[in-house]
PDB file of N, CA and C in Angstrom:
ATOM      1  N   UNK A   1      -5.469  29.619 -12.520  1.00  0.00           N
ATOM      2  CA  UNK A   1      -6.147  28.348 -12.511  1.00  0.00           C
ATOM      3  C   UNK A   1      -5.127  27.245 -12.804  1.00  0.00           C
ATOM      4  N   UNK A   2      -5.181  26.196 -11.997  1.00  0.00           N
ATOM      5  CA  UNK A   2      -4.288  25.055 -12.198  1.00  0.00           C
ATOM      6  C   UNK A   2      -4.806  24.185 -13.329  1.00  0.00           C
ATOM      7  N   UNK A   3      -3.886  23.677 -14.088  1.00  0.00           N
ATOM      8  CA  UNK A   3      -4.232  22.766 -15.176  1.00  0.00           C
ATOM      9  C   UNK A   3      -3.836  21.368 -14.742  1.00  0.00           C
ATOM     10  N   UNK A   4      -4.769  20.455 -14.851  1.00  0.00           N
ATOM     11  CA  UNK A   4      -4.515  19.069 -14.463  1.00  0.00           C
ATOM     12  C   UNK A   4      -3.511  18.455 -15.437  1.00  0.00           C
ATOM     13  N   UNK A   5      -2.422  17.958 -14.883  1.00  0.00           N
ATOM     14  CA  UNK A   5      -1.426  17.298 -15.720  1.00  0.00           C
ATOM     15  C   UNK A   5      -1.912  15.894 -16.072  1.00  0.00           C
ATOM     16  N   UNK A   6      -1.690  15.534 -17.302  1.00  0.00           N
ATOM     17  CA  UNK A   6      -2.046  14.191 -17.733  1.00  0.00           C
ATOM     18  C   UNK A   6      -0.989  13.228 -17.216  1.00  0.00           C
ATOM     19  N   UNK A   7      -1.389  12.331 -16.373  1.00  0.00           N
ATOM     20  CA  UNK A   7      -0.470  11.331 -15.864  1.00  0.00           C
ATOM     21  C   UNK A   7      -1.215  10.021 -15.729  1.00  0.00           C
ATOM     22  N   UNK A   8      -0.480   8.961 -15.735  1.00  0.00           N
ATOM     23  CA  UNK A   8      -1.070   7.640 -15.592  1.00  0.00           C
ATOM     24  C   UNK A   8      -0.463   6.987 -14.367  1.00  0.00           C
ATOM     25  N   UNK A   9      -1.326   6.461 -13.533  1.00  0.00           N
ATOM     26  CA  UNK A   9      -0.900   5.698 -12.372  1.00  0.00           C
ATOM     27  C   UNK A   9      -1.354   4.270 -12.630  1.00  0.00           C
ATOM     28  N   UNK A  10      -0.432   3.335 -12.504  1.00  0.00           N
ATOM     29  CA  UNK A  10      -0.767   1.938 -12.776  1.00  0.00           C
ATOM     30  C   UNK A  10       0.002   1.044 -11.814  1.00  0.00           C
ATOM     31  N   UNK A  11      -0.261  -0.226 -11.915  1.00  0.00           N
ATOM     32  CA  UNK A  11       0.475  -1.210 -11.111  1.00  0.00           C
ATOM     33  C   UNK A  11       1.980  -1.026 -11.318  1.00  0.00           C
ATOM     34  N   UNK A  12       2.395  -0.881 -12.576  1.00  0.00           N
ATOM     35  CA  UNK A  12       3.809  -0.747 -12.888  1.00  0.00           C
ATOM     36  C   UNK A  12       4.399   0.520 -12.261  1.00  0.00           C
ATOM     37  N   UNK A  13       3.728   1.671 -12.428  1.00  0.00           N
ATOM     38  CA  UNK A  13       4.275   2.912 -11.888  1.00  0.00           C
ATOM     39  C   UNK A  13       4.328   2.885 -10.367  1.00  0.00           C
ATOM     40  N   UNK A  14       3.348   2.267  -9.742  1.00  0.00           N
ATOM     41  CA  UNK A  14       3.353   2.178  -8.280  1.00  0.00           C
ATOM     42  C   UNK A  14       4.470   1.266  -7.791  1.00  0.00           C
ATOM     43  N   UNK A  15       4.684   0.157  -8.487  1.00  0.00           N
ATOM     44  CA  UNK A  15       5.779  -0.744  -8.119  1.00  0.00           C
ATOM     45  C   UNK A  15       7.132  -0.057  -8.329  1.00  0.00           C
ATOM     46  N   UNK A  16       7.251   0.750  -9.373  1.00  0.00           N
ATOM     47  CA  UNK A  16       8.494   1.486  -9.606  1.00  0.00           C
ATOM     48  C   UNK A  16       8.747   2.492  -8.489  1.00  0.00           C
ATOM     49  N   UNK A  17       7.685   3.134  -8.026  1.00  0.00           N
ATOM     50  CA  UNK A  17       7.819   4.063  -6.895  1.00  0.00           C
ATOM     51  C   UNK A  17       8.333   3.342  -5.656  1.00  0.00           C
ATOM     52  N   UNK A  18       7.802   2.168  -5.421  1.00  0.00           N
ATOM     53  CA  UNK A  18       8.236   1.370  -4.274  1.00  0.00           C
ATOM     54  C   UNK A  18       9.715   1.023  -4.419  1.00  0.00           C
ATOM     55  N   UNK A  19      10.106   0.559  -5.608  1.00  0.00           N
ATOM     56  CA  UNK A  19      11.499   0.187  -5.852  1.00  0.00           C
ATOM     57  C   UNK A  19      12.444   1.383  -5.705  1.00  0.00           C
ATOM     58  N   UNK A  20      11.996   2.565  -6.145  1.00  0.00           N
ATOM     59  CA  UNK A  20      12.825   3.767  -6.033  1.00  0.00           C
ATOM     60  C   UNK A  20      13.068   4.149  -4.575  1.00  0.00           C
ATOM     61  N   UNK A  21      12.138   3.836  -3.702  1.00  0.00           N
ATOM     62  CA  UNK A  21      12.247   4.193  -2.290  1.00  0.00           C
ATOM     63  C   UNK A  21      12.835   3.079  -1.439  1.00  0.00           C
ATOM     64  N   UNK A  22      13.117   1.966  -2.063  1.00  0.00           N
ATOM     65  CA  UNK A  22      13.607   0.786  -1.367  1.00  0.00           C
ATOM     66  C   UNK A  22      15.127   0.794  -1.261  1.00  0.00           C
ATOM     67  N   UNK A  23      15.626   0.524  -0.090  1.00  0.00           N
ATOM     68  CA  UNK A  23      17.058   0.350   0.132  1.00  0.00           C
ATOM     69  C   UNK A  23      17.265  -1.149   0.375  1.00  0.00           C
ATOM     70  N   UNK A  24      17.810  -1.838  -0.612  1.00  0.00           N
ATOM     71  CA  UNK A  24      17.936  -3.302  -0.520  1.00  0.00           C
ATOM     72  C   UNK A  24      18.813  -3.735   0.642  1.00  0.00           C
ATOM     73  N   UNK A  25      19.826  -2.954   0.968  1.00  0.00           N
ATOM     74  CA  UNK A  25      20.678  -3.294   2.114  1.00  0.00           C
ATOM     75  C   UNK A  25      19.890  -3.212   3.416  1.00  0.00           C
ATOM     76  N   UNK A  26      19.103  -2.163   3.531  1.00  0.00           N
ATOM     77  CA  UNK A  26      18.283  -2.011   4.737  1.00  0.00           C
ATOM     78  C   UNK A  26      17.231  -3.118   4.812  1.00  0.00           C
ATOM     79  N   UNK A  27      16.702  -3.505   3.656  1.00  0.00           N
ATOM     80  CA  UNK A  27      15.732  -4.593   3.610  1.00  0.00           C
ATOM     81  C   UNK A  27      16.363  -5.896   4.080  1.00  0.00           C
ATOM     82  N   UNK A  28      17.598  -6.179   3.620  1.00  0.00           N
ATOM     83  CA  UNK A  28      18.295  -7.401   4.025  1.00  0.00           C
ATOM     84  C   UNK A  28      18.562  -7.431   5.521  1.00  0.00           C
ATOM     85  N   UNK A  29      18.894  -6.273   6.087  1.00  0.00           N
ATOM     86  CA  UNK A  29      19.211  -6.185   7.509  1.00  0.00           C
ATOM     87  C   UNK A  29      17.975  -6.163   8.396  1.00  0.00           C
ATOM     88  N   UNK A  30      16.834  -5.932   7.793  1.00  0.00           N
ATOM     89  CA  UNK A  30      15.594  -5.825   8.560  1.00  0.00           C
ATOM     90  C   UNK A  30      15.156  -7.186   9.094  1.00  0.00           C
ATOM     91  N   UNK A  31      14.803  -7.206  10.386  1.00  0.00           N
ATOM     92  CA  UNK A  31      14.301  -8.440  10.995  1.00  0.00           C
ATOM     93  C   UNK A  31      12.880  -8.732  10.519  1.00  0.00           C
ATOM     94  N   UNK A  32      12.165  -7.687  10.128  1.00  0.00           N
ATOM     95  CA  UNK A  32      10.773  -7.819   9.676  1.00  0.00           C
ATOM     96  C   UNK A  32      10.607  -7.072   8.355  1.00  0.00           C
ATOM     97  N   UNK A  33      10.907  -7.726   7.240  1.00  0.00           N
ATOM     98  CA  UNK A  33      10.838  -7.062   5.931  1.00  0.00           C
ATOM     99  C   UNK A  33       9.452  -6.497   5.601  1.00  0.00           C
ATOM    100  N   UNK A  34       8.386  -7.179   6.059  1.00  0.00           N
ATOM    101  CA  UNK A  34       7.032  -6.682   5.784  1.00  0.00           C
ATOM    102  C   UNK A  34       6.804  -5.333   6.454  1.00  0.00           C
ATOM    103  N   UNK A  35       7.350  -5.157   7.649  1.00  0.00           N
ATOM    104  CA  UNK A  35       7.217  -3.877   8.350  1.00  0.00           C
ATOM    105  C   UNK A  35       7.989  -2.778   7.624  1.00  0.00           C
ATOM    106  N   UNK A  36       9.156  -3.135   7.114  1.00  0.00           N
ATOM    107  CA  UNK A  36       9.950  -2.175   6.348  1.00  0.00           C
ATOM    108  C   UNK A  36       9.182  -1.728   5.106  1.00  0.00           C
ATOM    109  N   UNK A  37       8.570  -2.680   4.414  1.00  0.00           N
ATOM    110  CA  UNK A  37       7.791  -2.358   3.219  1.00  0.00           C
ATOM    111  C   UNK A  37       6.577  -1.505   3.585  1.00  0.00           C
ATOM    112  N   UNK A  38       5.992  -1.788   4.725  1.00  0.00           N
ATOM    113  CA  UNK A  38       4.829  -1.012   5.179  1.00  0.00           C
ATOM    114  C   UNK A  38       5.212   0.454   5.419  1.00  0.00           C
ATOM    115  N   UNK A  39       6.407   0.683   5.937  1.00  0.00           N
ATOM    116  CA  UNK A  39       6.893   2.054   6.136  1.00  0.00           C
ATOM    117  C   UNK A  39       7.034   2.776   4.802  1.00  0.00           C
ATOM    118  N   UNK A  40       7.542   2.079   3.805  1.00  0.00           N
ATOM    119  CA  UNK A  40       7.684   2.674   2.476  1.00  0.00           C
ATOM    120  C   UNK A  40       6.313   3.028   1.918  1.00  0.00           C
ATOM    121  N   UNK A  41       5.395   2.075   2.007  1.00  0.00           N
ATOM    122  CA  UNK A  41       4.044   2.288   1.503  1.00  0.00           C
ATOM    123  C   UNK A  41       3.396   3.480   2.202  1.00  0.00           C
ATOM    124  N   UNK A  42       3.557   3.544   3.500  1.00  0.00           N
ATOM    125  CA  UNK A  42       2.968   4.642   4.268  1.00  0.00           C
ATOM    126  C   UNK A  42       3.487   5.991   3.783  1.00  0.00           C
ATOM    127  N   UNK A  43       4.746   6.027   3.391  1.00  0.00           N
ATOM    128  CA  UNK A  43       5.324   7.288   2.922  1.00  0.00           C
ATOM    129  C   UNK A  43       4.871   7.649   1.506  1.00  0.00           C
ATOM    130  N   UNK A  44       4.369   6.683   0.747  1.00  0.00           N
ATOM    131  CA  UNK A  44       3.979   6.928  -0.637  1.00  0.00           C
ATOM    132  C   UNK A  44       2.521   7.355  -0.810  1.00  0.00           C
ATOM    133  N   UNK A  45       1.682   7.057   0.155  1.00  0.00           N
ATOM    134  CA  UNK A  45       0.273   7.442   0.049  1.00  0.00           C
ATOM    135  C   UNK A  45       0.186   8.962   0.158  1.00  0.00           C
ATOM    136  N   UNK A  46      -0.472   9.607  -0.810  1.00  0.00           N
ATOM    137  CA  UNK A  46      -0.551  11.067  -0.780  1.00  0.00           C
ATOM    138  C   UNK A  46      -1.169  11.598   0.520  1.00  0.00           C
ATOM    139  N   UNK A  47      -0.570  12.656   1.028  1.00  0.00           N
ATOM    140  CA  UNK A  47      -1.026  13.268   2.273  1.00  0.00           C
ATOM    141  C   UNK A  47      -2.156  14.254   1.987  1.00  0.00           C
ATOM    142  N   UNK A  48      -2.004  15.015   0.936  1.00  0.00           N
ATOM    143  CA  UNK A  48      -2.987  16.044   0.613  1.00  0.00           C
ATOM    144  C   UNK A  48      -4.172  15.439  -0.144  1.00  0.00           C
ATOM    145  N   UNK A  49      -5.353  15.893   0.208  1.00  0.00           N
ATOM    146  CA  UNK A  49      -6.576  15.341  -0.364  1.00  0.00           C
ATOM    147  C   UNK A  49      -6.625  15.484  -1.884  1.00  0.00           C
ATOM    148  N   UNK A  50      -6.205  16.632  -2.405  1.00  0.00           N
ATOM    149  CA  UNK A  50      -6.250  16.844  -3.854  1.00  0.00           C
ATOM    150  C   UNK A  50      -5.347  15.845  -4.576  1.00  0.00           C
ATOM    151  N   UNK A  51      -4.163  15.587  -4.016  1.00  0.00           N
ATOM    152  CA  UNK A  51      -3.245  14.620  -4.627  1.00  0.00           C
ATOM    153  C   UNK A  51      -3.801  13.202  -4.535  1.00  0.00           C
ATOM    154  N   UNK A  52      -4.469  12.910  -3.440  1.00  0.00           N
ATOM    155  CA  UNK A  52      -5.083  11.598  -3.242  1.00  0.00           C
ATOM    156  C   UNK A  52      -6.161  11.346  -4.298  1.00  0.00           C
ATOM    157  N   UNK A  53      -7.031  12.323  -4.463  1.00  0.00           N
ATOM    158  CA  UNK A  53      -8.114  12.202  -5.450  1.00  0.00           C
ATOM    159  C   UNK A  53      -7.539  12.149  -6.857  1.00  0.00           C
ATOM    160  N   UNK A  54      -6.543  12.975  -7.126  1.00  0.00           N
ATOM    161  CA  UNK A  54      -5.902  12.994  -8.440  1.00  0.00           C
ATOM    162  C   UNK A  54      -5.293  11.633  -8.763  1.00  0.00           C
ATOM    163  N   UNK A  55      -4.629  11.045  -7.783  1.00  0.00           N
ATOM    164  CA  UNK A  55      -4.014   9.733  -7.993  1.00  0.00           C
ATOM    165  C   UNK A  55      -5.084   8.678  -8.287  1.00  0.00           C
ATOM    166  N   UNK A  56      -6.149   8.683  -7.515  1.00  0.00           N
ATOM    167  CA  UNK A  56      -7.227   7.708  -7.710  1.00  0.00           C
ATOM    168  C   UNK A  56      -7.896   7.890  -9.072  1.00  0.00           C
ATOM    169  N   UNK A  57      -8.070   9.139  -9.484  1.00  0.00           N
ATOM    170  CA  UNK A  57      -8.711   9.415 -10.776  1.00  0.00           C
ATOM    171  C   UNK A  57      -7.859   8.961 -11.954  1.00  0.00           C
ATOM    172  N   UNK A  58      -6.544   9.057 -11.800  1.00  0.00           N
ATOM    173  CA  UNK A  58      -5.649   8.725 -12.902  1.00  0.00           C
ATOM    174  C   UNK A  58      -5.176   7.270 -12.876  1.00  0.00           C
ATOM    175  N   UNK A  59      -5.663   6.483 -11.915  1.00  0.00           N
ATOM    176  CA  UNK A  59      -5.243   5.077 -11.868  1.00  0.00           C
ATOM    177  C   UNK A  59      -5.818   4.336 -13.064  1.00  0.00           C
ATOM    178  N   UNK A  60      -4.982   3.563 -13.716  1.00  0.00           N
ATOM    179  CA  UNK A  60      -5.397   2.782 -14.872  1.00  0.00           C
ATOM    180  C   UNK A  60      -5.051   1.327 -14.608  1.00  0.00           C
ATOM    181  N   UNK A  61      -6.046   0.550 -14.321  1.00  0.00           N
ATOM    182  CA  UNK A  61      -5.804  -0.866 -14.069  1.00  0.00           C
ATOM    183  C   UNK A  61      -7.073  -1.533 -13.583  1.00  0.00           C
ATOM    184  N   UNK A  62      -6.993  -2.836 -13.449  1.00  0.00           N
ATOM    185  CA  UNK A  62      -8.167  -3.614 -13.058  1.00  0.00           C
ATOM    186  C   UNK A  62      -8.647  -3.285 -11.646  1.00  0.00           C
ATOM    187  N   UNK A  63      -7.776  -2.668 -10.832  1.00  0.00           N
ATOM    188  CA  UNK A  63      -8.132  -2.341  -9.455  1.00  0.00           C
ATOM    189  C   UNK A  63      -8.828  -0.994  -9.337  1.00  0.00           C
ATOM    190  N   UNK A  64      -9.097  -0.313 -10.451  1.00  0.00           N
ATOM    191  CA  UNK A  64      -9.663   1.036 -10.427  1.00  0.00           C
ATOM    192  C   UNK A  64     -10.907   1.124  -9.540  1.00  0.00           C
ATOM    193  N   UNK A  65     -11.850   0.246  -9.758  1.00  0.00           N
ATOM    194  CA  UNK A  65     -13.096   0.336  -8.993  1.00  0.00           C
ATOM    195  C   UNK A  65     -12.905  -0.090  -7.543  1.00  0.00           C
ATOM    196  N   UNK A  66     -11.921  -0.928  -7.281  1.00  0.00           N
ATOM    197  CA  UNK A  66     -11.622  -1.287  -5.891  1.00  0.00           C
ATOM    198  C   UNK A  66     -11.207  -0.056  -5.094  1.00  0.00           C
ATOM    199  N   UNK A  67     -10.461   0.841  -5.735  1.00  0.00           N
ATOM    200  CA  UNK A  67     -10.028   2.072  -5.060  1.00  0.00           C
ATOM    201  C   UNK A  67     -11.238   2.892  -4.632  1.00  0.00           C
ATOM    202  N   UNK A  68     -12.248   2.938  -5.477  1.00  0.00           N
ATOM    203  CA  UNK A  68     -13.409   3.796  -5.203  1.00  0.00           C
ATOM    204  C   UNK A  68     -14.494   3.106  -4.393  1.00  0.00           C
ATOM    205  N   UNK A  69     -14.620   1.791  -4.493  1.00  0.00           N
ATOM    206  CA  UNK A  69     -15.780   1.128  -3.897  1.00  0.00           C
ATOM    207  C   UNK A  69     -15.492   0.310  -2.640  1.00  0.00           C
ATOM    208  N   UNK A  70     -14.272  -0.157  -2.443  1.00  0.00           N
ATOM    209  CA  UNK A  70     -13.958  -0.945  -1.251  1.00  0.00           C
ATOM    210  C   UNK A  70     -13.804  -0.041  -0.041  1.00  0.00           C
ATOM    211  N   UNK A  71     -13.742  -0.667   1.132  1.00  0.00           N
ATOM    212  CA  UNK A  71     -13.449   0.054   2.364  1.00  0.00           C
ATOM    213  C   UNK A  71     -12.545  -0.852   3.181  1.00  0.00           C
ATOM    214  N   UNK A  72     -11.278  -0.935   2.755  1.00  0.00           N
ATOM    215  CA  UNK A  72     -10.313  -1.878   3.313  1.00  0.00           C
ATOM    216  C   UNK A  72     -10.095  -1.737   4.815  1.00  0.00           C
ATOM    217  N   UNK A  73     -10.103  -0.512   5.314  1.00  0.00           N
ATOM    218  CA  UNK A  73      -9.776  -0.296   6.720  1.00  0.00           C
ATOM    219  C   UNK A  73     -10.920   0.321   7.521  1.00  0.00           C
ATOM    220  N   UNK A  74     -12.121   0.300   6.984  1.00  0.00           N
ATOM    221  CA  UNK A  74     -13.276   0.803   7.717  1.00  0.00           C
ATOM    222  C   UNK A  74     -13.274   2.308   7.909  1.00  0.00           C
ATOM    223  N   UNK A  75     -12.806   3.041   6.919  1.00  0.00           N
ATOM    224  CA  UNK A  75     -12.794   4.498   7.002  1.00  0.00           C
ATOM    225  C   UNK A  75     -14.199   5.058   7.151  1.00  0.00           C
ATOM    226  N   UNK A  76     -14.294   6.188   7.847  1.00  0.00           N
ATOM    227  CA  UNK A  76     -15.610   6.775   8.098  1.00  0.00           C
ATOM    228  C   UNK A  76     -16.001   7.835   7.079  1.00  0.00           C
ATOM    229  N   UNK A  77     -15.016   8.523   6.503  1.00  0.00           N
ATOM    230  CA  UNK A  77     -15.317   9.552   5.507  1.00  0.00           C
ATOM    231  C   UNK A  77     -14.855   9.053   4.140  1.00  0.00           C
ATOM    232  N   UNK A  78     -15.396   9.623   3.082  1.00  0.00           N
ATOM    233  CA  UNK A  78     -14.961   9.195   1.747  1.00  0.00           C
ATOM    234  C   UNK A  78     -13.448   9.317   1.541  1.00  0.00           C
ATOM    235  N   UNK A  79     -12.837  10.378   2.066  1.00  0.00           N
ATOM    236  CA  UNK A  79     -11.390  10.536   1.906  1.00  0.00           C
ATOM    237  C   UNK A  79     -10.616   9.507   2.714  1.00  0.00           C
ATOM    238  N   UNK A  80     -11.108   9.178   3.898  1.00  0.00           N
ATOM    239  CA  UNK A  80     -10.461   8.126   4.693  1.00  0.00           C
ATOM    240  C   UNK A  80     -10.554   6.780   3.984  1.00  0.00           C
ATOM    241  N   UNK A  81     -11.696   6.513   3.388  1.00  0.00           N
ATOM    242  CA  UNK A  81     -11.896   5.263   2.649  1.00  0.00           C
ATOM    243  C   UNK A  81     -10.951   5.212   1.455  1.00  0.00           C
ATOM    244  N   UNK A  82     -10.881   6.311   0.706  1.00  0.00           N
ATOM    245  CA  UNK A  82     -10.003   6.380  -0.460  1.00  0.00           C
ATOM    246  C   UNK A  82      -8.542   6.220  -0.056  1.00  0.00           C
ATOM    247  N   UNK A  83      -8.134   6.896   1.006  1.00  0.00           N
ATOM    248  CA  UNK A  83      -6.751   6.803   1.498  1.00  0.00           C
ATOM    249  C   UNK A  83      -6.418   5.361   1.906  1.00  0.00           C
ATOM    250  N   UNK A  84      -7.344   4.717   2.608  1.00  0.00           N
ATOM    251  CA  UNK A  84      -7.140   3.331   3.020  1.00  0.00           C
ATOM    252  C   UNK A  84      -7.043   2.382   1.844  1.00  0.00           C
ATOM    253  N   UNK A  85      -7.864   2.611   0.837  1.00  0.00           N
ATOM    254  CA  UNK A  85      -7.841   1.742  -0.339  1.00  0.00           C
ATOM    255  C   UNK A  85      -6.560   1.906  -1.150  1.00  0.00           C
ATOM    256  N   UNK A  86      -6.069   3.134  -1.255  1.00  0.00           N
ATOM    257  CA  UNK A  86      -4.807   3.351  -1.962  1.00  0.00           C
ATOM    258  C   UNK A  86      -3.655   2.750  -1.165  1.00  0.00           C
ATOM    259  N   UNK A  87      -3.697   2.892   0.159  1.00  0.00           N
ATOM    260  CA  UNK A  87      -2.677   2.261   1.000  1.00  0.00           C
ATOM    261  C   UNK A  87      -2.693   0.747   0.779  1.00  0.00           C
ATOM    262  N   UNK A  88      -3.878   0.147   0.780  1.00  0.00           N
ATOM    263  CA  UNK A  88      -3.995  -1.303   0.597  1.00  0.00           C
ATOM    264  C   UNK A  88      -3.446  -1.726  -0.768  1.00  0.00           C
ATOM    265  N   UNK A  89      -3.703  -0.931  -1.787  1.00  0.00           N
ATOM    266  CA  UNK A  89      -3.201  -1.242  -3.124  1.00  0.00           C
ATOM    267  C   UNK A  89      -1.674  -1.169  -3.144  1.00  0.00           C
ATOM    268  N   UNK A  90      -1.119  -0.088  -2.605  1.00  0.00           N
ATOM    269  CA  UNK A  90       0.337   0.024  -2.505  1.00  0.00           C
ATOM    270  C   UNK A  90       0.912  -1.152  -1.707  1.00  0.00           C
ATOM    271  N   UNK A  91       0.258  -1.500  -0.615  1.00  0.00           N
ATOM    272  CA  UNK A  91       0.753  -2.578   0.243  1.00  0.00           C
ATOM    273  C   UNK A  91       0.781  -3.908  -0.518  1.00  0.00           C
ATOM    274  N   UNK A  92      -0.271  -4.188  -1.266  1.00  0.00           N
ATOM    275  CA  UNK A  92      -0.303  -5.420  -2.071  1.00  0.00           C
ATOM    276  C   UNK A  92       0.849  -5.448  -3.077  1.00  0.00           C
ATOM    277  N   UNK A  93       1.110  -4.308  -3.712  1.00  0.00           N
ATOM    278  CA  UNK A  93       2.199  -4.241  -4.684  1.00  0.00           C
ATOM    279  C   UNK A  93       3.548  -4.358  -3.982  1.00  0.00           C
ATOM    280  N   UNK A  94       3.664  -3.791  -2.789  1.00  0.00           N
ATOM    281  CA  UNK A  94       4.918  -3.874  -2.033  1.00  0.00           C
ATOM    282  C   UNK A  94       5.228  -5.319  -1.652  1.00  0.00           C
ATOM    283  N   UNK A  95       4.203  -6.064  -1.279  1.00  0.00           N
ATOM    284  CA  UNK A  95       4.402  -7.479  -0.953  1.00  0.00           C
ATOM    285  C   UNK A  95       4.832  -8.243  -2.205  1.00  0.00           C
ATOM    286  N   UNK A  96       4.249  -7.900  -3.360  1.00  0.00           N
ATOM    287  CA  UNK A  96       4.675  -8.519  -4.622  1.00  0.00           C
ATOM    288  C   UNK A  96       6.146  -8.217  -4.890  1.00  0.00           C
ATOM    289  N   UNK A  97       6.541  -6.960  -4.698  1.00  0.00           N
ATOM    290  CA  UNK A  97       7.937  -6.565  -4.906  1.00  0.00           C
ATOM    291  C   UNK A  97       8.840  -7.343  -3.963  1.00  0.00           C
ATOM    292  N   UNK A  98       8.432  -7.452  -2.718  1.00  0.00           N
ATOM    293  CA  UNK A  98       9.220  -8.193  -1.722  1.00  0.00           C
ATOM    294  C   UNK A  98       9.396  -9.652  -2.140  1.00  0.00           C
ATOM    295  N   UNK A  99       8.340 -10.286  -2.595  1.00  0.00           N
ATOM    296  CA  UNK A  99       8.419 -11.687  -3.043  1.00  0.00           C
ATOM    297  C   UNK A  99       9.330 -11.815  -4.254  1.00  0.00           C
ATOM    298  N   UNK A 100       9.247 -10.857  -5.181  1.00  0.00           N
ATOM    299  CA  UNK A 100      10.110 -10.885  -6.370  1.00  0.00           C
ATOM    300  C   UNK A 100      11.574 -10.764  -5.973  1.00  0.00           C
ATOM    301  N   UNK A 101      11.867  -9.897  -5.017  1.00  0.00           N
ATOM    302  CA  UNK A 101      13.240  -9.727  -4.557  1.00  0.00           C
ATOM    303  C   UNK A 101      13.737 -11.003  -3.872  1.00  0.00           C
ATOM    304  N   UNK A 102      12.882 -11.626  -3.078  1.00  0.00           N
ATOM    305  CA  UNK A 102      13.260 -12.874  -2.393  1.00  0.00           C
ATOM    306  C   UNK A 102      13.523 -13.991  -3.397  1.00  0.00           C
ATOM    307  N   UNK A 103      12.745 -14.025  -4.479  1.00  0.00           N
ATOM    308  CA  UNK A 103      12.943 -15.046  -5.506  1.00  0.00           C
ATOM    309  C   UNK A 103      14.255 -14.842  -6.258  1.00  0.00           C
ATOM    310  N   UNK A 104      14.671 -13.582  -6.438  1.00  0.00           N
ATOM    311  CA  UNK A 104      15.918 -13.280  -7.136  1.00  0.00           C
ATOM    312  C   UNK A 104      17.128 -13.770  -6.359  1.00  0.00           C
ATOM    313  N   UNK A 105      17.022 -13.770  -5.050  1.00  0.00           N
ATOM    314  CA  UNK A 105      18.187 -14.113  -4.210  1.00  0.00           C
ATOM    315  C   UNK A 105      18.325 -15.576  -4.030  1.00  0.00           C
TER     316      UNK A 105
END
């Protein structure tokens, strides 16, 4: 039997994940930085359903209910809706990271 690991997913941890996967040189060379960030976000959304649900369950932040109740991309199944909402959350944080990087320069 698998034991659920205690972990916390938050705005900060998600932004750190984005930063860890970000190549600033590639971002600078990119003609469309938003598209580059979207690729990163796409790679961070859990592929497996159990990991997706686990991530949503362990999210700690004001957006918690948005993950469960919104339907950002018009998903037809509960898992599609959840996946879309987590993608949207990551995307919002990625845009924040992008703006922060632009302000630093």
